[in-house]
Amino acid sequence: MTGALELGDVAINPEHTENMVEAVVHGVLHLCGYDHEVDDGEMLELQDEIVDGLE
């Protein structure tokens, strides 16, 4: 790869989240094309795996 790949931005309002790490991971997964409203739980399962690995 010759340069950085920009997918978009993740904006989080800290007043509306209890877990900042989970919110960032959730937003990044959406940027990567995941959608928990149409999958069979794959996105949220992956989100939990990632968050568990970070904390």
N, C-alpha and C. Protein backbone atom coordinates (compact mmCIF):
# COMPACT_ATOMS: atom_id res chain seq x y z
N MET A 1 0.85 -1.17 0.00
CA MET A 1 0.00 0.00 0.00
C MET A 1 0.89 1.23 0.00
N THR A 2 0.55 2.19 -0.80
CA THR A 2 1.40 3.37 -0.95
C THR A 2 1.02 4.51 -0.03
N GLY A 3 -0.14 4.49 0.56
CA GLY A 3 -0.56 5.57 1.44
C GLY A 3 -1.62 5.11 2.40
N ALA A 4 -2.00 6.02 3.26
CA ALA A 4 -3.02 5.69 4.26
C ALA A 4 -4.39 5.57 3.60
N LEU A 5 -5.18 4.69 4.12
CA LEU A 5 -6.55 4.51 3.66
C LEU A 5 -7.47 5.22 4.64
N GLU A 6 -8.22 6.18 4.16
CA GLU A 6 -9.13 6.91 5.03
C GLU A 6 -10.55 6.40 4.82
N LEU A 7 -11.15 5.90 5.89
CA LEU A 7 -12.50 5.35 5.82
C LEU A 7 -13.56 6.37 6.20
N GLY A 8 -13.21 7.31 7.04
CA GLY A 8 -14.17 8.29 7.52
C GLY A 8 -13.83 8.70 8.93
N ASP A 9 -14.76 9.31 9.60
CA ASP A 9 -14.56 9.80 10.96
C ASP A 9 -15.50 9.09 11.92
N VAL A 10 -15.05 9.00 13.15
CA VAL A 10 -15.89 8.50 14.23
C VAL A 10 -16.06 9.65 15.21
N ALA A 11 -17.29 10.08 15.41
CA ALA A 11 -17.59 11.15 16.36
C ALA A 11 -18.40 10.55 17.51
N ILE A 12 -17.95 10.81 18.73
CA ILE A 12 -18.61 10.24 19.90
C ILE A 12 -18.91 11.35 20.90
N ASN A 13 -20.13 11.39 21.35
CA ASN A 13 -20.53 12.33 22.39
C ASN A 13 -20.36 11.62 23.73
N PRO A 14 -19.39 12.02 24.54
CA PRO A 14 -19.14 11.32 25.80
C PRO A 14 -20.32 11.36 26.77
N GLU A 15 -21.24 12.29 26.57
CA GLU A 15 -22.42 12.35 27.43
C GLU A 15 -23.41 11.23 27.11
N HIS A 16 -23.25 10.57 25.95
CA HIS A 16 -24.19 9.53 25.54
C HIS A 16 -23.56 8.15 25.47
N THR A 17 -22.44 7.96 26.13
CA THR A 17 -21.82 6.63 26.15
C THR A 17 -21.25 6.35 27.53
N GLU A 18 -21.35 5.09 27.94
CA GLU A 18 -20.78 4.67 29.22
C GLU A 18 -19.36 4.15 29.05
N ASN A 19 -19.05 3.63 27.86
CA ASN A 19 -17.75 3.01 27.63
C ASN A 19 -17.15 3.59 26.34
N MET A 20 -16.17 4.46 26.49
CA MET A 20 -15.59 5.13 25.34
C MET A 20 -14.89 4.14 24.40
N VAL A 21 -14.21 3.16 24.94
CA VAL A 21 -13.52 2.16 24.11
C VAL A 21 -14.53 1.42 23.25
N GLU A 22 -15.61 0.97 23.86
CA GLU A 22 -16.64 0.24 23.12
C GLU A 22 -17.25 1.13 22.04
N ALA A 23 -17.47 2.39 22.33
CA ALA A 23 -18.05 3.31 21.35
C ALA A 23 -17.12 3.52 20.15
N VAL A 24 -15.82 3.64 20.41
CA VAL A 24 -14.86 3.82 19.31
C VAL A 24 -14.82 2.56 18.45
N VAL A 25 -14.73 1.40 19.07
CA VAL A 25 -14.70 0.15 18.31
C VAL A 25 -15.98 0.00 17.50
N HIS A 26 -17.11 0.32 18.09
CA HIS A 26 -18.40 0.24 17.40
C HIS A 26 -18.39 1.12 16.15
N GLY A 27 -17.93 2.35 16.31
CA GLY A 27 -17.88 3.27 15.18
C GLY A 27 -16.95 2.81 14.08
N VAL A 28 -15.79 2.30 14.45
CA VAL A 28 -14.82 1.83 13.46
C VAL A 28 -15.37 0.61 12.71
N LEU A 29 -16.06 -0.27 13.41
CA LEU A 29 -16.66 -1.42 12.73
C LEU A 29 -17.70 -0.97 11.71
N HIS A 30 -18.48 0.05 12.05
CA HIS A 30 -19.42 0.59 11.07
C HIS A 30 -18.68 1.14 9.85
N LEU A 31 -17.56 1.83 10.08
CA LEU A 31 -16.78 2.35 8.95
C LEU A 31 -16.24 1.22 8.07
N CYS A 32 -16.02 0.08 8.67
CA CYS A 32 -15.51 -1.08 7.92
C CYS A 32 -16.62 -1.86 7.22
N GLY A 33 -17.86 -1.39 7.36
CA GLY A 33 -18.96 -2.01 6.62
C GLY A 33 -19.87 -2.91 7.43
N TYR A 34 -19.60 -3.08 8.70
CA TYR A 34 -20.47 -3.92 9.53
C TYR A 34 -21.74 -3.17 9.88
N ASP A 35 -22.85 -3.90 10.04
CA ASP A 35 -24.13 -3.29 10.40
C ASP A 35 -24.90 -4.25 11.29
N HIS A 36 -24.95 -3.95 12.58
CA HIS A 36 -25.60 -4.83 13.55
C HIS A 36 -27.11 -4.88 13.37
N GLU A 37 -27.67 -3.95 12.60
CA GLU A 37 -29.11 -3.97 12.40
C GLU A 37 -29.55 -4.97 11.34
N VAL A 38 -28.60 -5.49 10.54
CA VAL A 38 -28.98 -6.45 9.49
C VAL A 38 -28.22 -7.77 9.59
N ASP A 39 -27.17 -7.84 10.41
CA ASP A 39 -26.45 -9.11 10.52
C ASP A 39 -27.08 -9.97 11.63
N ASP A 40 -26.55 -11.12 11.83
CA ASP A 40 -27.08 -12.03 12.85
C ASP A 40 -26.25 -11.98 14.12
N GLY A 41 -25.83 -10.80 14.51
CA GLY A 41 -25.06 -10.63 15.73
C GLY A 41 -23.56 -10.64 15.53
N GLU A 42 -23.11 -10.77 14.27
CA GLU A 42 -21.67 -10.87 14.03
C GLU A 42 -20.92 -9.61 14.46
N MET A 43 -21.48 -8.44 14.15
CA MET A 43 -20.77 -7.20 14.48
C MET A 43 -20.60 -7.04 15.99
N LEU A 44 -21.65 -7.25 16.73
CA LEU A 44 -21.57 -7.05 18.18
C LEU A 44 -20.69 -8.12 18.83
N GLU A 45 -20.68 -9.32 18.25
CA GLU A 45 -19.80 -10.37 18.76
C GLU A 45 -18.33 -9.98 18.52
N LEU A 46 -18.05 -9.50 17.32
CA LEU A 46 -16.69 -9.06 16.99
C LEU A 46 -16.31 -7.87 17.87
N GLN A 47 -17.25 -6.95 18.07
CA GLN A 47 -17.00 -5.80 18.93
C GLN A 47 -16.59 -6.25 20.33
N ASP A 48 -17.33 -7.20 20.90
CA ASP A 48 -17.00 -7.72 22.24
C ASP A 48 -15.60 -8.35 22.27
N GLU A 49 -15.27 -9.12 21.23
CA GLU A 49 -13.94 -9.74 21.17
C GLU A 49 -12.83 -8.69 21.15
N ILE A 50 -13.03 -7.65 20.35
CA ILE A 50 -12.02 -6.61 20.24
C ILE A 50 -11.89 -5.85 21.55
N VAL A 51 -13.01 -5.45 22.13
CA VAL A 51 -12.99 -4.70 23.38
C VAL A 51 -12.34 -5.54 24.48
N ASP A 52 -12.69 -6.81 24.57
CA ASP A 52 -12.09 -7.69 25.58
C ASP A 52 -10.58 -7.76 25.41
N GLY A 53 -10.12 -7.76 24.17
CA GLY A 53 -8.68 -7.82 23.91
C GLY A 53 -7.97 -6.53 24.22
N LEU A 54 -8.67 -5.42 24.26
CA LEU A 54 -8.06 -4.13 24.52
C LEU A 54 -8.04 -3.78 26.01
N GLU A 55 -9.01 -4.27 26.76
CA GLU A 55 -9.11 -3.90 28.17
C GLU A 55 -8.40 -4.87 29.08
